[in-house]
PDB file of N, CA and C in Angstrom:
ATOM      1  N   MET A   1    -147.431-129.557  87.270  1.00  0.00           N
ATOM      2  CA  MET A   1    -148.370-130.561  87.694  1.00  0.00           C
ATOM      3  C   MET A   1    -149.795-130.155  87.315  1.00  0.00           C
ATOM      4  N   SER A   2    -150.152-128.892  87.457  1.00  0.00           N
ATOM      5  CA  SER A   2    -151.498-128.462  87.112  1.00  0.00           C
ATOM      6  C   SER A   2    -151.642-128.177  85.615  1.00  0.00           C
ATOM      7  N   ASN A   3    -150.518-128.020  84.901  1.00  0.00           N
ATOM      8  CA  ASN A   3    -150.545-127.779  83.461  1.00  0.00           C
ATOM      9  C   ASN A   3    -149.942-128.975  82.733  1.00  0.00           C
ATOM     10  N   PRO A   4    -150.770-129.919  82.327  1.00  0.00           N
ATOM     11  CA  PRO A   4    -150.206-131.071  81.610  1.00  0.00           C
ATOM     12  C   PRO A   4    -149.689-130.658  80.239  1.00  0.00           C
ATOM     13  N   THR A   5    -148.650-131.315  79.787  1.00  0.00           N
ATOM     14  CA  THR A   5    -148.079-130.990  78.481  1.00  0.00           C
ATOM     15  C   THR A   5    -148.999-131.510  77.383  1.00  0.00           C
ATOM     16  N   PRO A   6    -149.242-130.719  76.357  1.00  0.00           N
ATOM     17  CA  PRO A   6    -150.104-131.180  75.260  1.00  0.00           C
ATOM     18  C   PRO A   6    -149.415-132.259  74.436  1.00  0.00           C
ATOM     19  N   ALA A   7    -150.201-132.920  73.608  1.00  0.00           N
ATOM     20  CA  ALA A   7    -149.663-134.000  72.783  1.00  0.00           C
ATOM     21  C   ALA A   7    -148.650-133.454  71.780  1.00  0.00           C
ATOM     22  N   GLU A   8    -148.904-132.257  71.255  1.00  0.00           N
ATOM     23  CA  GLU A   8    -147.988-131.627  70.309  1.00  0.00           C
ATOM     24  C   GLU A   8    -147.584-130.260  70.878  1.00  0.00           C
ATOM     25  N   PRO A   9    -146.493-130.181  71.625  1.00  0.00           N
ATOM     26  CA  PRO A   9    -146.132-128.907  72.276  1.00  0.00           C
ATOM     27  C   PRO A   9    -145.884-127.764  71.296  1.00  0.00           C
ATOM     28  N   GLY A  10    -145.287-128.029  70.152  1.00  0.00           N
ATOM     29  CA  GLY A  10    -145.017-126.970  69.178  1.00  0.00           C
ATOM     30  C   GLY A  10    -146.286-126.395  68.589  1.00  0.00           C
ATOM     31  N   HIS A  11    -147.246-127.260  68.303  1.00  0.00           N
ATOM     32  CA  HIS A  11    -148.507-126.811  67.727  1.00  0.00           C
ATOM     33  C   HIS A  11    -149.315-125.999  68.739  1.00  0.00           C
ATOM     34  N   ALA A  12    -149.355-126.438  69.982  1.00  0.00           N
ATOM     35  CA  ALA A  12    -150.133-125.745  71.008  1.00  0.00           C
ATOM     36  C   ALA A  12    -149.532-124.374  71.303  1.00  0.00           C
ATOM     37  N   ALA A  13    -148.215-124.258  71.279  1.00  0.00           N
ATOM     38  CA  ALA A  13    -147.571-122.972  71.548  1.00  0.00           C
ATOM     39  C   ALA A  13    -147.842-121.986  70.410  1.00  0.00           C
ATOM     40  N   ALA A  14    -147.953-122.472  69.195  1.00  0.00           N
ATOM     41  CA  ALA A  14    -148.201-121.594  68.061  1.00  0.00           C
ATOM     42  C   ALA A  14    -149.652-121.114  68.046  1.00  0.00           C
ATOM     43  N   VAL A  15    -150.581-121.917  68.534  1.00  0.00           N
ATOM     44  CA  VAL A  15    -152.002-121.566  68.507  1.00  0.00           C
ATOM     45  C   VAL A  15    -152.359-120.644  69.663  1.00  0.00           C
ATOM     46  N   GLU A  16    -151.767-120.861  70.831  1.00  0.00           N
ATOM     47  CA  GLU A  16    -152.106-120.070  72.016  1.00  0.00           C
ATOM     48  C   GLU A  16    -151.618-118.632  71.862  1.00  0.00           C
ATOM     49  N   GLU A  17    -152.523-117.663  72.095  1.00  0.00           N
ATOM     50  CA  GLU A  17    -152.180-116.243  71.994  1.00  0.00           C
ATOM     51  C   GLU A  17    -152.507-115.573  73.323  1.00  0.00           C
ATOM     52  N   ASP A  18    -151.543-114.835  73.859  1.00  0.00           N
ATOM     53  CA  ASP A  18    -151.733-114.163  75.130  1.00  0.00           C
ATOM     54  C   ASP A  18    -152.587-112.921  74.933  1.00  0.00           C
ATOM     55  N   ALA A  19    -153.564-112.717  75.810  1.00  0.00           N
ATOM     56  CA  ALA A  19    -154.465-111.571  75.694  1.00  0.00           C
ATOM     57  C   ALA A  19    -153.724-110.254  75.910  1.00  0.00           C
ATOM     58  N   VAL A  20    -152.757-110.257  76.813  1.00  0.00           N
ATOM     59  CA  VAL A  20    -152.012-109.029  77.096  1.00  0.00           C
ATOM     60  C   VAL A  20    -151.155-108.639  75.899  1.00  0.00           C
ATOM     61  N   GLU A  21    -150.506-109.619  75.281  1.00  0.00           N
ATOM     62  CA  GLU A  21    -149.649-109.326  74.136  1.00  0.00           C
ATOM     63  C   GLU A  21    -150.444-108.823  72.932  1.00  0.00           C
ATOM     64  N   SER A  22    -151.719-109.150  72.872  1.00  0.00           N
ATOM     65  CA  SER A  22    -152.511-108.706  71.725  1.00  0.00           C
ATOM     66  C   SER A  22    -152.903-107.235  71.823  1.00  0.00           C
ATOM     67  N   ILE A  23    -152.838-106.633  73.034  1.00  0.00           N
ATOM     68  CA  ILE A  23    -153.222-105.225  73.172  1.00  0.00           C
ATOM     69  C   ILE A  23    -152.063-104.319  73.550  1.00  0.00           C
ATOM     70  N   VAL A  24    -150.882-104.875  73.781  1.00  0.00           N
ATOM     71  CA  VAL A  24    -149.735-104.069  74.212  1.00  0.00           C
ATOM     72  C   VAL A  24    -149.345-103.041  73.154  1.00  0.00           C
ATOM     73  N   HIS A  25    -149.475-103.372  71.890  1.00  0.00           N
ATOM     74  CA  HIS A  25    -149.070-102.440  70.840  1.00  0.00           C
ATOM     75  C   HIS A  25    -149.971-101.204  70.784  1.00  0.00           C
ATOM     76  N   LEU A  26    -151.123-101.225  71.434  1.00  0.00           N
ATOM     77  CA  LEU A  26    -152.016-100.069  71.453  1.00  0.00           C
ATOM     78  C   LEU A  26    -151.722 -99.113  72.603  1.00  0.00           C
ATOM     79  N   MET A  27    -150.892 -99.514  73.554  1.00  0.00           N
ATOM     80  CA  MET A  27    -150.657 -98.701  74.748  1.00  0.00           C
ATOM     81  C   MET A  27    -150.078 -97.308  74.453  1.00  0.00           C
ATOM     82  N   PRO A  28    -149.139 -97.128  73.523  1.00  0.00           N
ATOM     83  CA  PRO A  28    -148.640 -95.770  73.269  1.00  0.00           C
ATOM     84  C   PRO A  28    -149.710 -94.814  72.745  1.00  0.00           C
ATOM     85  N   ILE A  29    -150.799 -95.330  72.238  1.00  0.00           N
ATOM     86  CA  ILE A  29    -151.886 -94.491  71.741  1.00  0.00           C
ATOM     87  C   ILE A  29    -152.947 -94.299  72.829  1.00  0.00           C
ATOM     88  N   VAL A  30    -153.307 -95.373  73.506  1.00  0.00           N
ATOM     89  CA  VAL A  30    -154.415 -95.345  74.456  1.00  0.00           C
ATOM     90  C   VAL A  30    -154.056 -94.585  75.729  1.00  0.00           C
ATOM     91  N   LEU A  31    -152.866 -94.777  76.262  1.00  0.00           N
ATOM     92  CA  LEU A  31    -152.506 -94.138  77.531  1.00  0.00           C
ATOM     93  C   LEU A  31    -152.487 -92.612  77.462  1.00  0.00           C
ATOM     94  N   PRO A  32    -151.870 -91.985  76.449  1.00  0.00           N
ATOM     95  CA  PRO A  32    -151.941 -90.517  76.392  1.00  0.00           C
ATOM     96  C   PRO A  32    -153.361 -89.995  76.179  1.00  0.00           C
ATOM     97  N   LEU A  33    -154.154 -90.695  75.383  1.00  0.00           N
ATOM     98  CA  LEU A  33    -155.535 -90.261  75.182  1.00  0.00           C
ATOM     99  C   LEU A  33    -156.336 -90.356  76.479  1.00  0.00           C
ATOM    100  N   ALA A  34    -156.176 -91.458  77.191  1.00  0.00           N
ATOM    101  CA  ALA A  34    -156.884 -91.619  78.462  1.00  0.00           C
ATOM    102  C   ALA A  34    -156.409 -90.583  79.477  1.00  0.00           C
ATOM    103  N   GLY A  35    -155.115 -90.279  79.487  1.00  0.00           N
ATOM    104  CA  GLY A  35    -154.599 -89.259  80.387  1.00  0.00           C
ATOM    105  C   GLY A  35    -155.146 -87.888  80.066  1.00  0.00           C
ATOM    106  N   GLY A  36    -155.248 -87.566  78.792  1.00  0.00           N
ATOM    107  CA  GLY A  36    -155.801 -86.281  78.389  1.00  0.00           C
ATOM    108  C   GLY A  36    -157.263 -86.143  78.768  1.00  0.00           C
ATOM    109  N   VAL A  37    -158.027 -87.197  78.571  1.00  0.00           N
ATOM    110  CA  VAL A  37    -159.445 -87.173  78.946  1.00  0.00           C
ATOM    111  C   VAL A  37    -159.590 -87.032  80.455  1.00  0.00           C
ATOM    112  N   LEU A  38    -158.770 -87.753  81.201  1.00  0.00           N
ATOM    113  CA  LEU A  38    -158.828 -87.675  82.658  1.00  0.00           C
ATOM    114  C   LEU A  38    -158.467 -86.277  83.158  1.00  0.00           C
ATOM    115  N   MET A  39    -157.437 -85.671  82.575  1.00  0.00           N
ATOM    116  CA  MET A  39    -157.059 -84.307  82.980  1.00  0.00           C
ATOM    117  C   MET A  39    -158.158 -83.309  82.635  1.00  0.00           C
ATOM    118  N   LEU A  40    -158.798 -83.471  81.478  1.00  0.00           N
ATOM    119  CA  LEU A  40    -159.894 -82.586  81.104  1.00  0.00           C
ATOM    120  C   LEU A  40    -161.052 -82.711  82.079  1.00  0.00           C
ATOM    121  N   LEU A  41    -161.393 -83.934  82.459  1.00  0.00           N
ATOM    122  CA  LEU A  41    -162.484 -84.140  83.413  1.00  0.00           C
ATOM    123  C   LEU A  41    -162.148 -83.560  84.784  1.00  0.00           C
ATOM    124  N   LEU A  42    -160.931 -83.797  85.245  1.00  0.00           N
ATOM    125  CA  LEU A  42    -160.530 -83.263  86.552  1.00  0.00           C
ATOM    126  C   LEU A  42    -160.494 -81.744  86.548  1.00  0.00           C
ATOM    127  N   ALA A  43    -160.027 -81.143  85.465  1.00  0.00           N
ATOM    128  CA  ALA A  43    -159.993 -79.685  85.376  1.00  0.00           C
ATOM    129  C   ALA A  43    -161.411 -79.118  85.344  1.00  0.00           C
ATOM    130  N   SER A  44    -162.315 -79.755  84.638  1.00  0.00           N
ATOM    131  CA  SER A  44    -163.685 -79.258  84.590  1.00  0.00           C
ATOM    132  C   SER A  44    -164.366 -79.395  85.950  1.00  0.00           C
ATOM    133  N   ILE A  45    -164.062 -80.452  86.686  1.00  0.00           N
ATOM    134  CA  ILE A  45    -164.612 -80.594  88.040  1.00  0.00           C
ATOM    135  C   ILE A  45    -164.051 -79.499  88.948  1.00  0.00           C
ATOM    136  N   ALA A  46    -162.760 -79.214  88.824  1.00  0.00           N
ATOM    137  CA  ALA A  46    -162.136 -78.180  89.653  1.00  0.00           C
ATOM    138  C   ALA A  46    -162.728 -76.805  89.353  1.00  0.00           C
ATOM    139  N   VAL A  47    -162.956 -76.496  88.091  1.00  0.00           N
ATOM    140  CA  VAL A  47    -163.538 -75.215  87.715  1.00  0.00           C
ATOM    141  C   VAL A  47    -164.993 -75.125  88.211  1.00  0.00           C
ATOM    142  N   TYR A  48    -165.713 -76.234  88.110  1.00  0.00           N
ATOM    143  CA  TYR A  48    -167.101 -76.243  88.556  1.00  0.00           C
ATOM    144  C   TYR A  48    -167.198 -76.021  90.078  1.00  0.00           C
ATOM    145  N   LEU A  49    -166.294 -76.616  90.840  1.00  0.00           N
ATOM    146  CA  LEU A  49    -166.322 -76.475  92.291  1.00  0.00           C
ATOM    147  C   LEU A  49    -165.771 -75.140  92.773  1.00  0.00           C
ATOM    148  N   ALA A  50    -164.962 -74.479  91.966  1.00  0.00           N
ATOM    149  CA  ALA A  50    -164.333 -73.220  92.404  1.00  0.00           C
ATOM    150  C   ALA A  50    -165.292 -72.035  92.349  1.00  0.00           C
TER     151      ALA A  50
END
């Protein structure tokens, strides 16, 4: 009811691109890098406080 069907459903489905699907292929690269940076920061904070 809140999403009316477009005049050409096939054309609209081909044009619409999901934002999540456009970045999912980068996750195997980004997540380990972000984890490594986070561990480095946490370790440096721990050493500084010790």
